[in-house]
Structure formats: structure tokens, C-alpha cells
Amino acid sequence: MKKAATTKKETEPKEPSPAERIDAKIKELGDWRGETLARVRAIIREADPDVEETWKWRGVPVWEHAGIICTGETYKAVVKLTFAKGASVEDPAGLFNSSLEGNTRRAIDIHEGEEINETALKALVQAAVALNTARKPASKKASG
């Protein structure tokens, strides 16, 4: 008797997970941008152990917890962390240095050789998570 032919699904390579895609992106960059992306990724994971890594918009690492926390884009001269609701997050250390004109997003541009204030970045991530997970109180009319 002949064995049944394998289905197409069984022979196709498995789609890489978002974490595997981010690993590949870091390796592919192979320079200070890859090192910086790896470092901020580690800081984000330390700040929120429940963070979910996703991959969107044809190649952008995204960190989520009850909504987008931030994205990690890489350009020739900068690694940009864009916080989706950054305008609503306290930034006492003044890390936000880009996309300051909008009403919603705020970003941190990290250039080659710049130090990352890990404590302040962790605080921003935790504040973004708190904002994403906050429940809006139900509107209650005061009774007379």
C-alpha cells in the first residue's frame, strides 16, 4: 500500500514568531542599531514581564500590554522608540525628544553612542502599561 501524500501545510516552513522576527532584525542590523534595539528590548521586558512582542507594518517590532506600549523603528542614524500614548505619560526625566508636536504619540530618538537611562525608560514603559490597563470609571450621576 502507498502512504498518503503529505499535505501542503505539513511541508511548508513554519512562520517565524514575532520574537524570532525581532531576533532576526537585531542580527540583520549587525551594528550599533541592533545593539541598541536589543538593549531597549531587554529594558522593556524587565519593566513589564507580561509584555507581548508583536511584528507590524512590514517589519516594525511592537511591544504591547492591553494595547500598544511602543514601537522600535530603526533608521540610518537613529533607533526610534515611539510610545503610542506618550503624550499622556509623565516623563520627569525628559526622555521624549521627538514627535513632541502631536496630541497622542511621543518618541525617543537614540543616536549612536548615547547612553540609555534605563531607570527612566522602565518608568515610562510601566506608566504606559498603567495607562493601557486603567479602567475608566463608570459615569455616575450624583443623586441629590
Protein backbone atom coordinates (compact mmCIF):
# COMPACT_ATOMS: atom_id res chain seq x y z
CA MET A 1 0.00 0.00 0.00
CA LYS A 2 1.08 3.54 -0.71
CA LYS A 3 1.37 6.10 2.04
CA ALA A 4 -0.93 9.08 1.80
CA ALA A 5 0.78 12.13 0.36
CA THR A 6 1.71 14.80 2.85
CA THR A 7 -0.40 17.89 2.78
CA LYS A 8 0.97 21.25 1.74
CA LYS A 9 0.58 22.52 5.32
CA GLU A 10 2.92 19.86 6.68
CA THR A 11 5.71 20.66 4.24
CA GLU A 12 5.59 24.47 4.37
CA PRO A 13 8.06 26.15 6.72
CA LYS A 14 6.56 27.48 9.93
CA GLU A 15 6.00 31.24 10.05
CA PRO A 16 8.50 32.80 12.49
CA SER A 17 7.09 34.20 15.73
CA PRO A 18 7.28 37.95 16.39
CA ALA A 19 10.11 37.33 18.89
CA GLU A 20 12.03 35.35 16.24
CA ARG A 21 11.48 38.17 13.74
CA ILE A 22 12.83 40.72 16.23
CA ASP A 23 15.84 38.48 16.90
CA ALA A 24 16.47 38.29 13.14
CA LYS A 25 16.11 42.07 12.76
CA ILE A 26 18.69 42.68 15.50
CA LYS A 27 21.09 40.20 13.90
CA GLU A 28 20.49 41.60 10.41
CA LEU A 29 21.30 45.15 11.54
CA GLY A 30 24.60 43.90 12.97
CA ASP A 31 25.71 47.32 14.20
CA TRP A 32 25.03 49.83 16.98
CA ARG A 33 21.35 49.97 15.93
CA GLY A 34 20.96 46.23 16.52
CA GLU A 35 22.74 46.51 19.87
CA THR A 36 20.52 49.46 20.85
CA LEU A 37 17.33 47.68 19.78
CA ALA A 38 18.40 44.60 21.76
CA ARG A 39 19.12 46.76 24.83
CA VAL A 40 15.80 48.63 24.78
CA ARG A 41 14.01 45.34 24.19
CA ALA A 42 15.62 43.91 27.33
CA ILE A 43 14.70 47.02 29.33
CA ILE A 44 11.08 46.84 28.14
CA ARG A 45 10.89 43.15 29.10
CA GLU A 46 12.38 43.90 32.53
CA ALA A 47 9.90 46.75 33.07
CA ASP A 48 6.93 44.57 32.10
CA PRO A 49 7.45 40.80 32.28
CA ASP A 50 3.97 40.34 30.75
CA VAL A 51 4.77 42.38 27.64
CA GLU A 52 3.74 40.83 24.33
CA GLU A 53 6.05 41.26 21.36
CA THR A 54 4.35 41.68 18.01
CA TRP A 55 5.52 42.47 14.48
CA LYS A 56 3.56 45.01 12.43
CA TRP A 57 3.66 47.28 9.43
CA ARG A 58 6.04 45.16 7.37
CA GLY A 59 8.85 44.94 9.83
CA VAL A 60 8.37 47.03 12.96
CA PRO A 61 8.85 45.46 16.39
CA VAL A 62 5.96 46.39 18.67
CA TRP A 63 5.59 45.87 22.42
CA GLU A 64 2.05 45.56 23.74
CA HIS A 65 0.19 45.13 27.02
CA ALA A 66 -3.56 45.82 26.80
CA GLY A 67 -2.69 47.93 23.74
CA ILE A 68 0.48 49.25 22.16
CA ILE A 69 3.16 50.44 24.58
CA CYS A 70 5.73 51.40 21.97
CA THR A 71 7.32 50.55 18.65
CA GLY A 72 11.02 50.15 17.89
CA GLU A 73 11.91 51.53 14.49
CA THR A 74 15.44 51.62 13.13
CA TYR A 75 16.73 54.23 10.73
CA LYS A 76 20.20 55.00 9.39
CA ALA A 77 21.06 57.48 12.16
CA VAL A 78 18.61 56.66 14.94
CA VAL A 79 16.68 53.98 16.81
CA LYS A 80 13.25 55.45 17.50
CA LEU A 81 11.00 54.27 20.32
CA THR A 82 7.53 55.66 19.68
CA PHE A 83 5.10 55.48 22.58
CA ALA A 84 1.55 55.21 21.25
CA LYS A 85 0.05 57.26 24.10
CA GLY A 86 3.22 59.10 25.06
CA ALA A 87 1.54 62.48 25.33
CA SER A 88 -0.48 61.11 28.26
CA VAL A 89 2.52 59.62 30.10
CA GLU A 90 4.57 61.55 32.67
CA ASP A 91 8.20 61.94 31.57
CA PRO A 92 10.01 63.51 34.53
CA ALA A 93 13.45 62.55 33.15
CA GLY A 94 12.72 64.20 29.80
CA LEU A 95 13.42 61.16 27.63
CA PHE A 96 10.93 62.15 24.93
CA ASN A 97 12.88 64.13 22.35
CA SER A 98 10.92 63.52 19.14
CA SER A 99 7.33 63.69 17.84
CA LEU A 100 6.59 66.27 20.51
CA GLU A 101 4.14 68.28 18.42
CA GLY A 102 1.32 65.71 18.32
CA ASN A 103 -1.52 65.20 20.76
CA THR A 104 -1.02 61.46 21.18
CA ARG A 105 2.40 59.97 20.40
CA ARG A 106 5.81 60.81 21.79
CA ALA A 107 9.13 59.30 20.76
CA ILE A 108 12.68 58.83 21.97
CA ASP A 109 15.38 59.08 19.31
CA ILE A 110 18.51 57.23 20.36
CA HIS A 111 21.65 58.07 18.39
CA GLU A 112 24.86 56.09 18.14
CA GLY A 113 26.90 56.28 21.35
CA GLU A 114 24.11 57.71 23.50
CA GLU A 115 23.52 56.24 26.94
CA ILE A 116 20.07 54.92 27.75
CA ASN A 117 18.62 56.00 31.09
CA GLU A 118 17.33 52.53 31.98
CA THR A 119 15.52 53.60 35.15
CA ALA A 120 13.63 56.37 33.35
CA LEU A 121 12.82 54.12 30.36
CA LYS A 122 11.45 51.42 32.67
CA ALA A 123 9.30 54.05 34.39
CA LEU A 124 7.93 55.21 31.01
CA VAL A 125 7.10 51.63 29.99
CA GLN A 126 5.37 50.99 33.32
CA ALA A 127 3.42 54.24 33.05
CA ALA A 128 2.32 53.30 29.51
CA VAL A 129 1.18 49.87 30.74
CA ALA A 130 -0.71 51.51 33.62
CA LEU A 131 -2.41 53.85 31.15
CA ASN A 132 -3.34 50.94 28.86
CA THR A 133 -4.74 48.85 31.71
CA ALA A 134 -6.57 51.63 33.57
CA ARG A 135 -10.30 51.20 33.63
CA LYS A 136 -12.31 54.31 33.08
CA PRO A 137 -14.75 54.69 35.93
CA ALA A 138 -18.40 54.32 35.02
CA SER A 139 -20.15 57.64 34.84
CA LYS A 140 -22.34 58.05 37.89
CA LYS A 141 -24.70 60.93 38.28
CA ALA A 142 -24.73 62.36 41.78
CA SER A 143 -28.07 61.84 43.40
CA GLY A 144 -29.49 64.67 45.27
